[in-house]
Amino acid sequence: MASIGIDAEAIIQPETTVEIDDLYLNERERSLRGSVEINHQTFSSLCFSAKESFFKCLYPLTGIWFDFQDAEIASLDADLRVYTAFALPSR
């Protein structure tokens, strides 16, 4: 294994979730939120933490700084506790 990214976050408070969702969720992720059976706060917190983990895994290997909109959560299975993420092409 070349790298690993680990992040731990508390569940984001409802008022904070509303304020910052646009900073780290794209339109497809907001659509995905409606298709999974977890509440808005938990979904947003998981996406935030997943993207932090993704960055922590890739940055040491690439030296490239990217923000939350440069990665996308493509799927989330709350029962299995598995998500799929990928880096988006440079804008």
N, C-alpha and C. Protein backbone atom coordinates (compact mmCIF):
# COMPACT_ATOMS: atom_id res chain seq x y z
N MET A 1 0.85 -1.17 0.00
CA MET A 1 0.00 0.00 0.00
C MET A 1 0.89 1.23 0.00
N ALA A 2 0.64 2.11 -0.92
CA ALA A 2 1.46 3.31 -1.06
C ALA A 2 1.02 4.43 -0.12
N SER A 3 -0.27 4.51 0.18
CA SER A 3 -0.76 5.60 1.01
C SER A 3 -2.13 5.23 1.58
N ILE A 4 -2.47 5.89 2.66
CA ILE A 4 -3.79 5.72 3.26
C ILE A 4 -4.23 7.08 3.79
N GLY A 5 -5.51 7.33 3.73
CA GLY A 5 -6.04 8.58 4.25
C GLY A 5 -7.09 8.27 5.30
N ILE A 6 -6.95 8.87 6.46
CA ILE A 6 -7.88 8.63 7.56
C ILE A 6 -8.35 9.98 8.09
N ASP A 7 -9.64 10.08 8.34
CA ASP A 7 -10.21 11.29 8.92
C ASP A 7 -11.34 10.87 9.86
N ALA A 8 -11.51 11.59 10.93
CA ALA A 8 -12.62 11.36 11.86
C ALA A 8 -13.29 12.69 12.13
N GLU A 9 -14.60 12.71 11.99
CA GLU A 9 -15.36 13.94 12.19
C GLU A 9 -16.58 13.65 13.04
N ALA A 10 -16.98 14.64 13.81
CA ALA A 10 -18.26 14.57 14.51
C ALA A 10 -19.36 14.86 13.49
N ILE A 11 -20.57 14.42 13.79
CA ILE A 11 -21.70 14.73 12.91
C ILE A 11 -21.90 16.25 12.92
N ILE A 12 -21.95 16.83 11.73
CA ILE A 12 -22.09 18.27 11.59
C ILE A 12 -23.48 18.71 12.07
N GLN A 13 -23.52 19.80 12.79
CA GLN A 13 -24.78 20.34 13.31
C GLN A 13 -25.66 20.83 12.16
N PRO A 14 -26.99 20.75 12.31
CA PRO A 14 -27.90 21.13 11.21
C PRO A 14 -27.65 22.52 10.65
N GLU A 15 -27.46 23.51 11.51
CA GLU A 15 -27.25 24.88 11.01
C GLU A 15 -25.94 25.00 10.23
N THR A 16 -24.93 24.27 10.64
CA THR A 16 -23.65 24.29 9.94
C THR A 16 -23.77 23.56 8.61
N THR A 17 -24.49 22.45 8.58
CA THR A 17 -24.70 21.69 7.36
C THR A 17 -25.29 22.58 6.27
N VAL A 18 -26.31 23.34 6.61
CA VAL A 18 -26.96 24.23 5.65
C VAL A 18 -25.98 25.27 5.13
N GLU A 19 -25.13 25.78 6.01
CA GLU A 19 -24.18 26.83 5.63
C GLU A 19 -23.07 26.33 4.72
N ILE A 20 -22.60 25.10 4.91
CA ILE A 20 -21.38 24.68 4.20
C ILE A 20 -21.58 23.60 3.14
N ASP A 21 -22.78 23.05 3.00
CA ASP A 21 -23.00 22.00 1.99
C ASP A 21 -22.51 22.42 0.59
N ASP A 22 -22.76 23.66 0.21
CA ASP A 22 -22.34 24.11 -1.13
C ASP A 22 -20.83 24.17 -1.28
N LEU A 23 -20.11 24.22 -0.19
CA LEU A 23 -18.64 24.26 -0.27
C LEU A 23 -18.05 22.91 -0.66
N TYR A 24 -18.70 21.81 -0.27
CA TYR A 24 -18.07 20.52 -0.50
C TYR A 24 -18.96 19.48 -1.19
N LEU A 25 -20.21 19.79 -1.45
CA LEU A 25 -21.08 18.86 -2.19
C LEU A 25 -21.40 19.45 -3.55
N ASN A 26 -21.25 18.63 -4.60
CA ASN A 26 -21.66 19.09 -5.91
C ASN A 26 -23.09 18.65 -6.19
N GLU A 27 -23.61 18.98 -7.34
CA GLU A 27 -25.01 18.69 -7.66
C GLU A 27 -25.31 17.19 -7.64
N ARG A 28 -24.42 16.38 -8.19
CA ARG A 28 -24.66 14.92 -8.19
C ARG A 28 -24.65 14.36 -6.78
N GLU A 29 -23.79 14.88 -5.92
CA GLU A 29 -23.76 14.42 -4.53
C GLU A 29 -25.03 14.82 -3.79
N ARG A 30 -25.54 16.01 -4.07
CA ARG A 30 -26.81 16.41 -3.45
C ARG A 30 -27.95 15.51 -3.93
N SER A 31 -27.90 15.08 -5.18
CA SER A 31 -28.90 14.13 -5.69
C SER A 31 -28.74 12.77 -5.01
N LEU A 32 -27.50 12.35 -4.82
CA LEU A 32 -27.22 11.07 -4.14
C LEU A 32 -27.77 11.09 -2.72
N ARG A 33 -27.67 12.23 -2.07
CA ARG A 33 -28.17 12.37 -0.69
C ARG A 33 -29.62 11.95 -0.57
N GLY A 34 -30.43 12.24 -1.58
CA GLY A 34 -31.83 11.88 -1.55
C GLY A 34 -32.10 10.40 -1.78
N SER A 35 -31.09 9.67 -2.27
CA SER A 35 -31.29 8.26 -2.59
C SER A 35 -30.76 7.30 -1.52
N VAL A 36 -30.09 7.82 -0.51
CA VAL A 36 -29.58 6.95 0.56
C VAL A 36 -30.44 7.13 1.80
N GLU A 37 -30.52 6.10 2.59
CA GLU A 37 -31.41 6.12 3.75
C GLU A 37 -30.70 6.50 5.04
N ILE A 38 -30.06 7.66 5.00
CA ILE A 38 -29.49 8.26 6.22
C ILE A 38 -29.89 9.73 6.21
N ASN A 39 -29.87 10.35 7.37
CA ASN A 39 -30.32 11.74 7.43
C ASN A 39 -29.30 12.68 6.80
N HIS A 40 -29.77 13.88 6.53
CA HIS A 40 -28.99 14.91 5.84
C HIS A 40 -27.66 15.18 6.56
N GLN A 41 -27.72 15.37 7.87
CA GLN A 41 -26.51 15.67 8.64
C GLN A 41 -25.48 14.56 8.53
N THR A 42 -25.92 13.32 8.67
CA THR A 42 -25.00 12.19 8.61
C THR A 42 -24.40 12.08 7.22
N PHE A 43 -25.23 12.21 6.18
CA PHE A 43 -24.73 12.15 4.81
C PHE A 43 -23.67 13.23 4.58
N SER A 44 -23.98 14.45 4.95
CA SER A 44 -23.04 15.55 4.75
C SER A 44 -21.74 15.33 5.52
N SER A 45 -21.86 14.85 6.73
CA SER A 45 -20.68 14.59 7.55
C SER A 45 -19.81 13.49 6.94
N LEU A 46 -20.46 12.43 6.44
CA LEU A 46 -19.72 11.34 5.81
C LEU A 46 -19.01 11.81 4.55
N CYS A 47 -19.68 12.60 3.74
CA CYS A 47 -19.06 13.12 2.51
C CYS A 47 -17.87 14.02 2.84
N PHE A 48 -18.04 14.89 3.82
CA PHE A 48 -16.96 15.77 4.24
C PHE A 48 -15.75 14.95 4.67
N SER A 49 -15.98 13.98 5.53
CA SER A 49 -14.90 13.15 6.05
C SER A 49 -14.27 12.29 4.96
N ALA A 50 -15.10 11.76 4.05
CA ALA A 50 -14.57 10.94 2.95
C ALA A 50 -13.65 11.76 2.07
N LYS A 51 -14.05 12.99 1.77
CA LYS A 51 -13.21 13.83 0.93
C LYS A 51 -11.92 14.23 1.64
N GLU A 52 -12.00 14.46 2.94
CA GLU A 52 -10.79 14.73 3.72
C GLU A 52 -9.85 13.52 3.66
N SER A 53 -10.40 12.32 3.81
CA SER A 53 -9.59 11.09 3.75
C SER A 53 -8.96 10.91 2.38
N PHE A 54 -9.74 11.19 1.35
CA PHE A 54 -9.26 11.09 -0.03
C PHE A 54 -8.07 12.01 -0.24
N PHE A 55 -8.19 13.25 0.22
CA PHE A 55 -7.09 14.22 0.12
C PHE A 55 -5.87 13.74 0.89
N LYS A 56 -6.09 13.27 2.10
CA LYS A 56 -4.97 12.82 2.95
C LYS A 56 -4.25 11.62 2.35
N CYS A 57 -4.96 10.83 1.57
CA CYS A 57 -4.35 9.69 0.89
C CYS A 57 -3.54 10.14 -0.33
N LEU A 58 -4.10 11.03 -1.13
CA LEU A 58 -3.48 11.40 -2.41
C LEU A 58 -2.41 12.47 -2.30
N TYR A 59 -2.56 13.42 -1.42
CA TYR A 59 -1.61 14.54 -1.36
C TYR A 59 -0.16 14.09 -1.14
N PRO A 60 0.11 13.17 -0.22
CA PRO A 60 1.51 12.75 -0.04
C PRO A 60 2.10 12.08 -1.28
N LEU A 61 1.26 11.47 -2.09
CA LEU A 61 1.75 10.81 -3.31
C LEU A 61 1.94 11.76 -4.47
N THR A 62 1.06 12.75 -4.56
CA THR A 62 1.06 13.63 -5.74
C THR A 62 1.62 15.01 -5.49
N GLY A 63 1.53 15.49 -4.25
CA GLY A 63 1.93 16.85 -3.95
C GLY A 63 0.98 17.89 -4.53
N ILE A 64 -0.16 17.41 -5.02
CA ILE A 64 -1.15 18.32 -5.63
C ILE A 64 -2.22 18.64 -4.60
N TRP A 65 -2.43 19.95 -4.38
CA TRP A 65 -3.46 20.40 -3.46
C TRP A 65 -4.77 20.49 -4.23
N PHE A 66 -5.81 19.88 -3.71
CA PHE A 66 -7.13 20.01 -4.33
C PHE A 66 -8.16 20.26 -3.25
N ASP A 67 -9.28 20.84 -3.66
CA ASP A 67 -10.31 21.15 -2.67
C ASP A 67 -11.47 20.17 -2.78
N PHE A 68 -12.51 20.43 -2.03
CA PHE A 68 -13.64 19.50 -1.95
C PHE A 68 -14.35 19.30 -3.29
N GLN A 69 -14.35 20.31 -4.13
CA GLN A 69 -15.03 20.19 -5.42
C GLN A 69 -14.20 19.43 -6.45
N ASP A 70 -12.98 19.06 -6.12
CA ASP A 70 -12.12 18.31 -7.03
C ASP A 70 -12.26 16.80 -6.86
N ALA A 71 -13.10 16.38 -5.94
CA ALA A 71 -13.37 14.95 -5.74
C ALA A 71 -14.88 14.79 -5.63
N GLU A 72 -15.35 13.60 -5.97
CA GLU A 72 -16.79 13.36 -5.93
C GLU A 72 -17.10 12.02 -5.29
N ILE A 73 -18.09 12.02 -4.42
CA ILE A 73 -18.60 10.77 -3.85
C ILE A 73 -19.60 10.23 -4.88
N ALA A 74 -19.27 9.11 -5.48
CA ALA A 74 -20.09 8.55 -6.56
C ALA A 74 -21.18 7.62 -6.03
N SER A 75 -20.90 6.96 -4.91
CA SER A 75 -21.89 6.07 -4.32
C SER A 75 -21.63 5.96 -2.83
N LEU A 76 -22.69 5.60 -2.12
CA LEU A 76 -22.58 5.45 -0.67
C LEU A 76 -23.55 4.36 -0.24
N ASP A 77 -23.02 3.34 0.42
CA ASP A 77 -23.87 2.29 0.97
C ASP A 77 -23.75 2.37 2.49
N ALA A 78 -24.77 2.96 3.10
CA ALA A 78 -24.73 3.17 4.55
C ALA A 78 -24.74 1.86 5.32
N ASP A 79 -25.43 0.85 4.80
CA ASP A 79 -25.49 -0.45 5.49
C ASP A 79 -24.13 -1.14 5.49
N LEU A 80 -23.45 -1.12 4.36
CA LEU A 80 -22.14 -1.76 4.27
C LEU A 80 -21.01 -0.85 4.72
N ARG A 81 -21.34 0.44 4.90
CA ARG A 81 -20.34 1.44 5.28
C ARG A 81 -19.23 1.54 4.25
N VAL A 82 -19.64 1.63 2.99
CA VAL A 82 -18.71 1.70 1.87
C VAL A 82 -19.10 2.88 0.98
N TYR A 83 -18.11 3.60 0.50
CA TYR A 83 -18.37 4.65 -0.47
C TYR A 83 -17.37 4.53 -1.60
N THR A 84 -17.72 5.11 -2.74
CA THR A 84 -16.83 5.18 -3.88
C THR A 84 -16.60 6.65 -4.18
N ALA A 85 -15.34 7.02 -4.34
CA ALA A 85 -15.00 8.40 -4.66
C ALA A 85 -13.99 8.41 -5.79
N PHE A 86 -13.96 9.50 -6.51
CA PHE A 86 -12.94 9.65 -7.54
C PHE A 86 -12.58 11.12 -7.69
N ALA A 87 -11.39 11.36 -8.21
CA ALA A 87 -10.94 12.73 -8.44
C ALA A 87 -11.52 13.19 -9.77
N LEU A 88 -11.97 14.42 -9.79
CA LEU A 88 -12.52 14.99 -11.01
C LEU A 88 -11.39 15.60 -11.83
N PRO A 89 -11.53 15.64 -13.15
CA PRO A 89 -10.50 16.28 -13.98
C PRO A 89 -10.33 17.74 -13.59
N SER A 90 -9.17 18.27 -13.80
CA SER A 90 -8.90 19.67 -13.48
C SER A 90 -9.86 20.58 -14.22
N ARG A 91 -10.26 21.62 -13.52
CA ARG A 91 -11.16 22.60 -14.15
C ARG A 91 -10.38 23.71 -14.76
